[in-house]
Every structure is written in C-alpha cells, then in structure tokens.
C-alpha cells in the first residue's frame, strides 16, 4: 500500500500565502488576506517570514517593477 504525504492544513495555507506574496503586490496581498479573514495567528511572525530577505530598497524595486509592468500591460 502506497502512503501519500499530505501537508497539514496550516502548512498548505502557509505555502499558498508564500506563493501569493511573491506574485501579488504587497497591498493586494494584504487585501487578499483580509478578505479571506486569514488574520488569525501571529502576524509579526508571518511578516518576518515573508519579508526576511527583503530590504526597503528591494521592496521599492519590486514595487516599481510591478507598477511598470501593470502600466505596460494596459491597452
């Protein structure tokens, strides 16, 4: 019999949020989390995990790139 390893619900949610945080701008990501009422848990710990490799400069560059791409994709 083959056993399938399934992540826990908490692990799955963490993985999904990590993916979304890399593909959405910070304000859209925050809105999504608020809309889904995913506010339970330790926000400070989650924030530290999501942004642990970021600096003000790296976030600024990502925001600029996102805004540029958004404006270039409009007809």
PDB file of N, CA and C in Angstrom:
ATOM      1  N   UNK A   1       0.842  -1.183   0.000  1.00  0.00           N
ATOM      2  CA  UNK A   1       0.000   0.000   0.000  1.00  0.00           C
ATOM      3  C   UNK A   1       0.884   1.242   0.000  1.00  0.00           C
ATOM      4  N   UNK A   2       0.585   2.161  -0.886  1.00  0.00           N
ATOM      5  CA  UNK A   2       1.372   3.378  -1.003  1.00  0.00           C
ATOM      6  C   UNK A   2       0.811   4.464  -0.092  1.00  0.00           C
ATOM      7  N   UNK A   3       1.690   5.086   0.665  1.00  0.00           N
ATOM      8  CA  UNK A   3       1.261   6.150   1.566  1.00  0.00           C
ATOM      9  C   UNK A   3       1.549   7.500   0.906  1.00  0.00           C
ATOM     10  N   UNK A   4       0.576   8.383   0.962  1.00  0.00           N
ATOM     11  CA  UNK A   4       0.714   9.713   0.387  1.00  0.00           C
ATOM     12  C   UNK A   4       0.975  10.699   1.523  1.00  0.00           C
ATOM     13  N   UNK A   5       2.030  11.492   1.366  1.00  0.00           N
ATOM     14  CA  UNK A   5       2.323  12.519   2.358  1.00  0.00           C
ATOM     15  C   UNK A   5       1.555  13.784   2.009  1.00  0.00           C
ATOM     16  N   UNK A   6       0.677  14.177   2.905  1.00  0.00           N
ATOM     17  CA  UNK A   6      -0.109  15.392   2.715  1.00  0.00           C
ATOM     18  C   UNK A   6       0.350  16.424   3.718  1.00  0.00           C
ATOM     19  N   UNK A   7       0.523  17.665   3.270  1.00  0.00           N
ATOM     20  CA  UNK A   7       0.853  18.707   4.245  1.00  0.00           C
ATOM     21  C   UNK A   7      -0.367  18.980   5.127  1.00  0.00           C
ATOM     22  N   UNK A   8      -0.108  19.440   6.327  1.00  0.00           N
ATOM     23  CA  UNK A   8      -1.220  19.810   7.206  1.00  0.00           C
ATOM     24  C   UNK A   8      -1.923  21.028   6.612  1.00  0.00           C
ATOM     25  N   UNK A   9      -3.108  21.319   7.119  1.00  0.00           N
ATOM     26  CA  UNK A   9      -3.840  22.485   6.635  1.00  0.00           C
ATOM     27  C   UNK A   9      -3.019  23.754   6.842  1.00  0.00           C
ATOM     28  N   UNK A  10      -2.369  23.844   7.988  1.00  0.00           N
ATOM     29  CA  UNK A  10      -1.561  25.020   8.294  1.00  0.00           C
ATOM     30  C   UNK A  10      -0.383  25.130   7.323  1.00  0.00           C
ATOM     31  N   UNK A  11       0.282  24.027   7.008  1.00  0.00           N
ATOM     32  CA  UNK A  11       1.396  24.032   6.066  1.00  0.00           C
ATOM     33  C   UNK A  11       0.920  24.422   4.670  1.00  0.00           C
ATOM     34  N   UNK A  12      -0.224  23.893   4.264  1.00  0.00           N
ATOM     35  CA  UNK A  12      -0.778  24.204   2.950  1.00  0.00           C
ATOM     36  C   UNK A  12      -1.116  25.688   2.844  1.00  0.00           C
ATOM     37  N   UNK A  13      -1.738  26.231   3.875  1.00  0.00           N
ATOM     38  CA  UNK A  13      -2.073  27.646   3.888  1.00  0.00           C
ATOM     39  C   UNK A  13      -0.802  28.491   3.817  1.00  0.00           C
ATOM     40  N   UNK A  14       0.210  28.108   4.566  1.00  0.00           N
ATOM     41  CA  UNK A  14       1.482  28.838   4.555  1.00  0.00           C
ATOM     42  C   UNK A  14       2.106  28.811   3.158  1.00  0.00           C
ATOM     43  N   UNK A  15       2.095  27.656   2.511  1.00  0.00           N
ATOM     44  CA  UNK A  15       2.662  27.540   1.168  1.00  0.00           C
ATOM     45  C   UNK A  15       1.896  28.420   0.177  1.00  0.00           C
ATOM     46  N   UNK A  16       0.588  28.384   0.269  1.00  0.00           N
ATOM     47  CA  UNK A  16      -0.235  29.180  -0.647  1.00  0.00           C
ATOM     48  C   UNK A  16       0.001  30.673  -0.436  1.00  0.00           C
ATOM     49  N   UNK A  17       0.083  31.094   0.813  1.00  0.00           N
ATOM     50  CA  UNK A  17       0.324  32.514   1.093  1.00  0.00           C
ATOM     51  C   UNK A  17       1.709  32.947   0.620  1.00  0.00           C
ATOM     52  N   UNK A  18       2.672  32.068   0.749  1.00  0.00           N
ATOM     53  CA  UNK A  18       4.025  32.376   0.279  1.00  0.00           C
ATOM     54  C   UNK A  18       4.027  32.582  -1.241  1.00  0.00           C
ATOM     55  N   UNK A  19       3.319  31.724  -1.957  1.00  0.00           N
ATOM     56  CA  UNK A  19       3.220  31.851  -3.420  1.00  0.00           C
ATOM     57  C   UNK A  19       2.516  33.155  -3.787  1.00  0.00           C
ATOM     58  N   UNK A  20       1.394  33.418  -3.135  1.00  0.00           N
ATOM     59  CA  UNK A  20       0.654  34.645  -3.429  1.00  0.00           C
ATOM     60  C   UNK A  20       1.482  35.887  -3.117  1.00  0.00           C
ATOM     61  N   UNK A  21       2.247  35.843  -2.045  1.00  0.00           N
ATOM     62  CA  UNK A  21       3.032  37.020  -1.672  1.00  0.00           C
ATOM     63  C   UNK A  21       4.111  37.327  -2.686  1.00  0.00           C
ATOM     64  N   UNK A  22       4.548  36.325  -3.444  1.00  0.00           N
ATOM     65  CA  UNK A  22       5.567  36.581  -4.462  1.00  0.00           C
ATOM     66  C   UNK A  22       4.952  37.045  -5.777  1.00  0.00           C
ATOM     67  N   UNK A  23       3.649  36.821  -5.973  1.00  0.00           N
ATOM     68  CA  UNK A  23       3.006  37.164  -7.243  1.00  0.00           C
ATOM     69  C   UNK A  23       2.051  38.347  -7.157  1.00  0.00           C
ATOM     70  N   UNK A  24       1.800  38.838  -5.961  1.00  0.00           N
ATOM     71  CA  UNK A  24       0.931  40.000  -5.794  1.00  0.00           C
ATOM     72  C   UNK A  24       1.738  41.143  -5.192  1.00  0.00           C
ATOM     73  N   UNK A  25       1.336  42.367  -5.504  1.00  0.00           N
ATOM     74  CA  UNK A  25       1.987  43.491  -4.838  1.00  0.00           C
ATOM     75  C   UNK A  25       1.558  43.464  -3.372  1.00  0.00           C
ATOM     76  N   UNK A  26       2.339  44.095  -2.490  1.00  0.00           N
ATOM     77  CA  UNK A  26       2.054  43.997  -1.040  1.00  0.00           C
ATOM     78  C   UNK A  26       0.645  44.422  -0.646  1.00  0.00           C
ATOM     79  N   UNK A  27       0.110  45.484  -1.260  1.00  0.00           N
ATOM     80  CA  UNK A  27      -1.230  45.908  -0.837  1.00  0.00           C
ATOM     81  C   UNK A  27      -2.295  44.915  -1.290  1.00  0.00           C
ATOM     82  N   UNK A  28      -2.140  44.336  -2.481  1.00  0.00           N
ATOM     83  CA  UNK A  28      -3.103  43.322  -2.939  1.00  0.00           C
ATOM     84  C   UNK A  28      -3.033  42.070  -2.074  1.00  0.00           C
ATOM     85  N   UNK A  29      -1.821  41.697  -1.704  1.00  0.00           N
ATOM     86  CA  UNK A  29      -1.657  40.528  -0.835  1.00  0.00           C
ATOM     87  C   UNK A  29      -2.346  40.777   0.508  1.00  0.00           C
ATOM     88  N   UNK A  30      -2.140  41.955   1.076  1.00  0.00           N
ATOM     89  CA  UNK A  30      -2.760  42.275   2.367  1.00  0.00           C
ATOM     90  C   UNK A  30      -4.284  42.292   2.244  1.00  0.00           C
ATOM     91  N   UNK A  31      -4.799  42.839   1.132  1.00  0.00           N
ATOM     92  CA  UNK A  31      -6.248  42.845   0.907  1.00  0.00           C
ATOM     93  C   UNK A  31      -6.788  41.426   0.798  1.00  0.00           C
ATOM     94  N   UNK A  32      -6.061  40.562   0.077  1.00  0.00           N
ATOM     95  CA  UNK A  32      -6.498  39.177  -0.075  1.00  0.00           C
ATOM     96  C   UNK A  32      -6.593  38.495   1.291  1.00  0.00           C
ATOM     97  N   UNK A  33      -5.559  38.662   2.094  1.00  0.00           N
ATOM     98  CA  UNK A  33      -5.552  38.035   3.422  1.00  0.00           C
ATOM     99  C   UNK A  33      -6.724  38.566   4.250  1.00  0.00           C
ATOM    100  N   UNK A  34      -6.971  39.875   4.173  1.00  0.00           N
ATOM    101  CA  UNK A  34      -8.086  40.460   4.923  1.00  0.00           C
ATOM    102  C   UNK A  34      -9.427  39.936   4.406  1.00  0.00           C
ATOM    103  N   UNK A  35      -9.573  39.850   3.083  1.00  0.00           N
ATOM    104  CA  UNK A  35     -10.831  39.349   2.504  1.00  0.00           C
ATOM    105  C   UNK A  35     -11.121  37.916   2.918  1.00  0.00           C
ATOM    106  N   UNK A  36     -10.076  37.124   3.024  1.00  0.00           N
ATOM    107  CA  UNK A  36     -10.255  35.719   3.398  1.00  0.00           C
ATOM    108  C   UNK A  36     -10.306  35.528   4.909  1.00  0.00           C
ATOM    109  N   UNK A  37     -10.198  36.617   5.623  1.00  0.00           N
ATOM    110  CA  UNK A  37     -10.199  36.587   7.082  1.00  0.00           C
ATOM    111  C   UNK A  37      -9.169  35.598   7.606  1.00  0.00           C
ATOM    112  N   UNK A  38      -7.965  35.712   7.065  1.00  0.00           N
ATOM    113  CA  UNK A  38      -6.868  34.844   7.484  1.00  0.00           C
ATOM    114  C   UNK A  38      -6.041  35.496   8.575  1.00  0.00           C
ATOM    115  N   UNK A  39      -6.653  36.389   9.308  1.00  0.00           N
ATOM    116  CA  UNK A  39      -5.932  37.172  10.290  1.00  0.00           C
ATOM    117  C   UNK A  39      -5.569  36.439  11.566  1.00  0.00           C
ATOM    118  N   UNK A  40      -5.984  35.214  11.719  1.00  0.00           N
ATOM    119  CA  UNK A  40      -5.607  34.530  12.951  1.00  0.00           C
ATOM    120  C   UNK A  40      -4.166  34.078  12.872  1.00  0.00           C
ATOM    121  N   UNK A  41      -3.570  33.946  13.992  1.00  0.00           N
ATOM    122  CA  UNK A  41      -2.168  33.586  14.011  1.00  0.00           C
ATOM    123  C   UNK A  41      -1.337  34.783  14.422  1.00  0.00           C
ATOM    124  N   UNK A  42      -0.046  34.646  14.300  1.00  0.00           N
ATOM    125  CA  UNK A  42       0.872  35.684  14.739  1.00  0.00           C
ATOM    126  C   UNK A  42       1.328  36.486  13.526  1.00  0.00           C
ATOM    127  N   UNK A  43       0.736  37.651  13.342  1.00  0.00           N
ATOM    128  CA  UNK A  43       1.051  38.485  12.178  1.00  0.00           C
ATOM    129  C   UNK A  43       2.537  38.833  12.135  1.00  0.00           C
ATOM    130  N   UNK A  44       3.105  39.173  13.275  1.00  0.00           N
ATOM    131  CA  UNK A  44       4.507  39.578  13.291  1.00  0.00           C
ATOM    132  C   UNK A  44       5.426  38.444  12.845  1.00  0.00           C
ATOM    133  N   UNK A  45       5.113  37.235  13.268  1.00  0.00           N
ATOM    134  CA  UNK A  45       5.912  36.082  12.850  1.00  0.00           C
ATOM    135  C   UNK A  45       5.755  35.836  11.355  1.00  0.00           C
ATOM    136  N   UNK A  46       4.528  35.913  10.860  1.00  0.00           N
ATOM    137  CA  UNK A  46       4.266  35.712   9.440  1.00  0.00           C
ATOM    138  C   UNK A  46       4.970  36.785   8.617  1.00  0.00           C
ATOM    139  N   UNK A  47       4.876  38.034   9.068  1.00  0.00           N
ATOM    140  CA  UNK A  47       5.520  39.144   8.370  1.00  0.00           C
ATOM    141  C   UNK A  47       7.030  38.929   8.312  1.00  0.00           C
ATOM    142  N   UNK A  48       7.605  38.505   9.409  1.00  0.00           N
ATOM    143  CA  UNK A  48       9.057  38.250   9.437  1.00  0.00           C
ATOM    144  C   UNK A  48       9.437  37.157   8.449  1.00  0.00           C
ATOM    145  N   UNK A  49       8.635  36.109   8.357  1.00  0.00           N
ATOM    146  CA  UNK A  49       8.928  35.019   7.428  1.00  0.00           C
ATOM    147  C   UNK A  49       8.795  35.477   5.983  1.00  0.00           C
ATOM    148  N   UNK A  50       7.752  36.242   5.685  1.00  0.00           N
ATOM    149  CA  UNK A  50       7.503  36.676   4.320  1.00  0.00           C
ATOM    150  C   UNK A  50       8.535  37.677   3.817  1.00  0.00           C
ATOM    151  N   UNK A  51       9.013  38.521   4.708  1.00  0.00           N
ATOM    152  CA  UNK A  51       9.902  39.601   4.291  1.00  0.00           C
ATOM    153  C   UNK A  51      11.315  39.485   4.861  1.00  0.00           C
ATOM    154  N   UNK A  52      11.702  38.294   5.317  1.00  0.00           N
ATOM    155  CA  UNK A  52      13.001  38.149   5.977  1.00  0.00           C
ATOM    156  C   UNK A  52      14.185  38.459   5.075  1.00  0.00           C
ATOM    157  N   UNK A  53      14.043  38.283   3.768  1.00  0.00           N
ATOM    158  CA  UNK A  53      15.147  38.560   2.854  1.00  0.00           C
ATOM    159  C   UNK A  53      14.990  39.904   2.156  1.00  0.00           C
ATOM    160  N   UNK A  54      14.057  40.715   2.606  1.00  0.00           N
ATOM    161  CA  UNK A  54      13.780  41.986   1.948  1.00  0.00           C
ATOM    162  C   UNK A  54      14.398  43.154   2.702  1.00  0.00           C
ATOM    163  N   UNK A  55      14.716  44.185   1.934  1.00  0.00           N
ATOM    164  CA  UNK A  55      15.145  45.464   2.488  1.00  0.00           C
ATOM    165  C   UNK A  55      14.198  46.522   1.933  1.00  0.00           C
ATOM    166  N   UNK A  56      14.311  47.714   2.438  1.00  0.00           N
ATOM    167  CA  UNK A  56      13.494  48.799   1.893  1.00  0.00           C
ATOM    168  C   UNK A  56      13.792  48.952   0.407  1.00  0.00           C
ATOM    169  N   UNK A  57      15.062  48.894   0.038  1.00  0.00           N
ATOM    170  CA  UNK A  57      15.441  49.046  -1.368  1.00  0.00           C
ATOM    171  C   UNK A  57      14.898  47.919  -2.233  1.00  0.00           C
ATOM    172  N   UNK A  58      14.971  46.676  -1.753  1.00  0.00           N
ATOM    173  CA  UNK A  58      14.482  45.554  -2.561  1.00  0.00           C
ATOM    174  C   UNK A  58      12.967  45.635  -2.740  1.00  0.00           C
ATOM    175  N   UNK A  59      12.253  46.037  -1.697  1.00  0.00           N
ATOM    176  CA  UNK A  59      10.803  46.194  -1.806  1.00  0.00           C
ATOM    177  C   UNK A  59      10.447  47.339  -2.746  1.00  0.00           C
ATOM    178  N   UNK A  60      11.201  48.432  -2.661  1.00  0.00           N
ATOM    179  CA  UNK A  60      10.966  49.572  -3.541  1.00  0.00           C
ATOM    180  C   UNK A  60      11.143  49.167  -5.002  1.00  0.00           C
ATOM    181  N   UNK A  61      12.193  48.419  -5.288  1.00  0.00           N
ATOM    182  CA  UNK A  61      12.449  47.961  -6.655  1.00  0.00           C
ATOM    183  C   UNK A  61      11.329  47.043  -7.142  1.00  0.00           C
ATOM    184  N   UNK A  62      10.842  46.166  -6.276  1.00  0.00           N
ATOM    185  CA  UNK A  62       9.753  45.267  -6.648  1.00  0.00           C
ATOM    186  C   UNK A  62       8.469  46.042  -6.925  1.00  0.00           C
ATOM    187  N   UNK A  63       8.204  47.047  -6.115  1.00  0.00           N
ATOM    188  CA  UNK A  63       7.005  47.862  -6.323  1.00  0.00           C
ATOM    189  C   UNK A  63       7.113  48.618  -7.641  1.00  0.00           C
ATOM    190  N   UNK A  64       8.288  49.189  -7.910  1.00  0.00           N
ATOM    191  CA  UNK A  64       8.496  49.904  -9.179  1.00  0.00           C
ATOM    192  C   UNK A  64       8.294  48.960 -10.368  1.00  0.00           C
ATOM    193  N   UNK A  65       8.879  47.776 -10.305  1.00  0.00           N
ATOM    194  CA  UNK A  65       8.755  46.806 -11.392  1.00  0.00           C
ATOM    195  C   UNK A  65       7.303  46.397 -11.575  1.00  0.00           C
ATOM    196  N   UNK A  66       6.596  46.202 -10.488  1.00  0.00           N
ATOM    197  CA  UNK A  66       5.185  45.820 -10.564  1.00  0.00           C
ATOM    198  C   UNK A  66       4.363  46.930 -11.214  1.00  0.00           C
ATOM    199  N   UNK A  67       4.583  48.161 -10.774  1.00  0.00           N
ATOM    200  CA  UNK A  67       3.836  49.290 -11.326  1.00  0.00           C
ATOM    201  C   UNK A  67       4.144  49.475 -12.812  1.00  0.00           C
ATOM    202  N   UNK A  68       5.387  49.331 -13.192  1.00  0.00           N
ATOM    203  CA  UNK A  68       5.781  49.453 -14.598  1.00  0.00           C
ATOM    204  C   UNK A  68       5.093  48.379 -15.429  1.00  0.00           C
ATOM    205  N   UNK A  69       5.144  47.144 -14.968  1.00  0.00           N
ATOM    206  CA  UNK A  69       4.521  46.038 -15.690  1.00  0.00           C
ATOM    207  C   UNK A  69       3.012  46.233 -15.794  1.00  0.00           C
ATOM    208  N   UNK A  70       2.397  46.736 -14.729  1.00  0.00           N
ATOM    209  CA  UNK A  70       0.951  46.963 -14.718  1.00  0.00           C
ATOM    210  C   UNK A  70       0.575  48.010 -15.765  1.00  0.00           C
ATOM    211  N   UNK A  71       1.342  49.088 -15.837  1.00  0.00           N
ATOM    212  CA  UNK A  71       1.035  50.159 -16.792  1.00  0.00           C
ATOM    213  C   UNK A  71       1.342  49.736 -18.225  1.00  0.00           C
ATOM    214  N   UNK A  72       2.349  48.916 -18.422  1.00  0.00           N
ATOM    215  CA  UNK A  72       2.695  48.452 -19.775  1.00  0.00           C
ATOM    216  C   UNK A  72       1.684  47.448 -20.312  1.00  0.00           C
ATOM    217  N   UNK A  73       0.992  46.744 -19.415  1.00  0.00           N
ATOM    218  CA  UNK A  73       0.042  45.731 -19.869  1.00  0.00           C
ATOM    219  C   UNK A  73      -1.326  46.310 -20.208  1.00  0.00           C
ATOM    220  N   UNK A  74      -1.546  47.584 -19.865  1.00  0.00           N
ATOM    221  CA  UNK A  74      -2.831  48.213 -20.209  1.00  0.00           C
ATOM    222  C   UNK A  74      -2.850  48.588 -21.670  1.00  0.00           C
ATOM    223  N   UNK A  75      -4.018  48.401 -22.325  1.00  0.00           N
ATOM    224  CA  UNK A  75      -4.111  48.739 -23.763  1.00  0.00           C
ATOM    225  C   UNK A  75      -4.058  50.225 -24.027  1.00  0.00           C
TER     226      UNK A  75
END
